[in-house]
């Protein structure tokens, strides 16, 4: 946790809530980290890799990927990505698309 504090990052729940709720329409694109520029040392432990990613990306919910601004959000549900993809494929198949 010391590394995060030194870098001005806190992994407290309320801090992640604040960065998660940043309005994409109000952020200046040039202030966002570009995920394509993130470099993580492969020799680090999994925990250290996560910490390094957070340190570099600053806001894992809102960042750039090249020219695009990406905002991540998650529903409060027990459904997995696999469940959602299965539903989508079944829907597409049923509609004959």
Protein backbone atom coordinates (compact mmCIF):
# COMPACT_ATOMS: atom_id res chain seq x y z
CA UNK A 1 0.00 0.00 0.00
CA UNK A 2 2.98 2.30 0.53
CA UNK A 3 3.78 2.33 -3.19
CA UNK A 4 0.23 3.43 -4.01
CA UNK A 5 0.34 6.23 -1.45
CA UNK A 6 3.69 7.45 -2.78
CA UNK A 7 2.22 7.58 -6.28
CA UNK A 8 -0.90 9.39 -5.06
CA UNK A 9 -3.04 6.29 -5.45
CA UNK A 10 -5.24 4.80 -2.82
CA UNK A 11 -6.94 1.44 -3.11
CA UNK A 12 -9.59 2.26 -0.54
CA UNK A 13 -13.16 1.34 -1.58
CA UNK A 14 -14.43 4.92 -1.39
CA UNK A 15 -11.56 6.15 -3.60
CA UNK A 16 -12.40 3.58 -6.29
CA UNK A 17 -16.02 4.74 -6.04
CA UNK A 18 -14.93 8.30 -6.81
CA UNK A 19 -12.81 7.39 -9.82
CA UNK A 20 -15.47 4.97 -11.08
CA UNK A 21 -18.07 7.75 -11.09
CA UNK A 22 -16.07 10.27 -13.16
CA UNK A 23 -18.30 11.63 -15.95
CA UNK A 24 -16.83 10.76 -19.36
CA UNK A 25 -18.30 13.98 -20.82
CA UNK A 26 -16.40 16.16 -18.37
CA UNK A 27 -12.94 14.60 -18.55
CA UNK A 28 -10.18 16.05 -20.70
CA UNK A 29 -8.98 13.31 -23.08
CA UNK A 30 -5.32 14.33 -22.79
CA UNK A 31 -5.38 13.79 -19.01
CA UNK A 32 -6.26 10.10 -19.39
CA UNK A 33 -3.63 7.37 -19.47
CA UNK A 34 -3.39 5.44 -22.74
CA UNK A 35 -3.66 1.71 -22.03
CA UNK A 36 -1.54 1.02 -25.12
CA UNK A 37 1.39 2.73 -23.38
CA UNK A 38 1.16 0.67 -20.18
CA UNK A 39 4.22 -1.52 -19.69
CA UNK A 40 4.31 -4.06 -16.86
CA UNK A 41 7.45 -5.92 -15.81
CA UNK A 42 6.72 -9.63 -16.33
CA UNK A 43 9.03 -10.58 -13.46
CA UNK A 44 6.76 -8.94 -10.87
CA UNK A 45 4.38 -10.99 -8.73
CA UNK A 46 0.68 -10.91 -9.63
CA UNK A 47 -0.02 -8.47 -6.81
CA UNK A 48 2.84 -6.20 -7.88
CA UNK A 49 1.60 -6.30 -11.48
CA UNK A 50 -1.86 -5.18 -10.35
CA UNK A 51 -0.36 -2.37 -8.29
CA UNK A 52 1.84 -1.28 -11.19
CA UNK A 53 -1.12 -1.33 -13.59
CA UNK A 54 -3.19 0.85 -11.24
CA UNK A 55 -0.24 3.20 -10.74
CA UNK A 56 0.18 3.68 -14.48
CA UNK A 57 -3.47 3.73 -15.60
CA UNK A 58 -4.54 5.95 -12.65
CA UNK A 59 -8.24 5.27 -13.28
CA UNK A 60 -9.01 1.70 -14.40
CA UNK A 61 -12.62 2.70 -15.10
CA UNK A 62 -11.79 5.55 -17.50
CA UNK A 63 -8.78 5.64 -19.82
CA UNK A 64 -7.77 6.02 -23.45
CA UNK A 65 -7.03 3.33 -25.98
CA UNK A 66 -5.32 5.28 -28.74
CA UNK A 67 -7.83 7.85 -29.98
CA UNK A 68 -10.75 6.35 -28.08
CA UNK A 69 -11.93 7.07 -24.55
CA UNK A 70 -13.02 3.90 -22.74
CA UNK A 71 -15.34 3.89 -19.72
CA UNK A 72 -15.92 0.61 -17.90
CA UNK A 73 -18.92 -0.10 -15.73
CA UNK A 74 -20.36 -3.25 -14.26
CA UNK A 75 -23.88 -4.27 -13.34
CA UNK A 76 -24.59 -5.46 -9.83
CA UNK A 77 -25.50 -8.99 -10.86
CA UNK A 78 -24.44 -12.58 -10.42
CA UNK A 79 -24.47 -13.15 -14.21
CA UNK A 80 -21.04 -13.77 -15.68
CA UNK A 81 -19.65 -12.56 -18.98
CA UNK A 82 -20.06 -16.12 -20.27
CA UNK A 83 -23.76 -16.03 -19.29
CA UNK A 84 -24.26 -12.74 -21.13
CA UNK A 85 -22.40 -13.91 -24.24
CA UNK A 86 -24.47 -17.11 -24.31
CA UNK A 87 -27.70 -15.06 -24.08
CA UNK A 88 -26.49 -12.79 -26.87
CA UNK A 89 -25.57 -15.70 -29.18
CA UNK A 90 -28.90 -17.39 -28.51
CA UNK A 91 -30.71 -14.12 -29.29
CA UNK A 92 -28.77 -13.60 -32.53
CA UNK A 93 -29.36 -17.23 -33.57
CA UNK A 94 -33.10 -16.95 -32.82
CA UNK A 95 -33.35 -13.79 -34.93
CA UNK A 96 -31.46 -15.43 -37.79
CA UNK A 97 -28.80 -12.73 -37.90
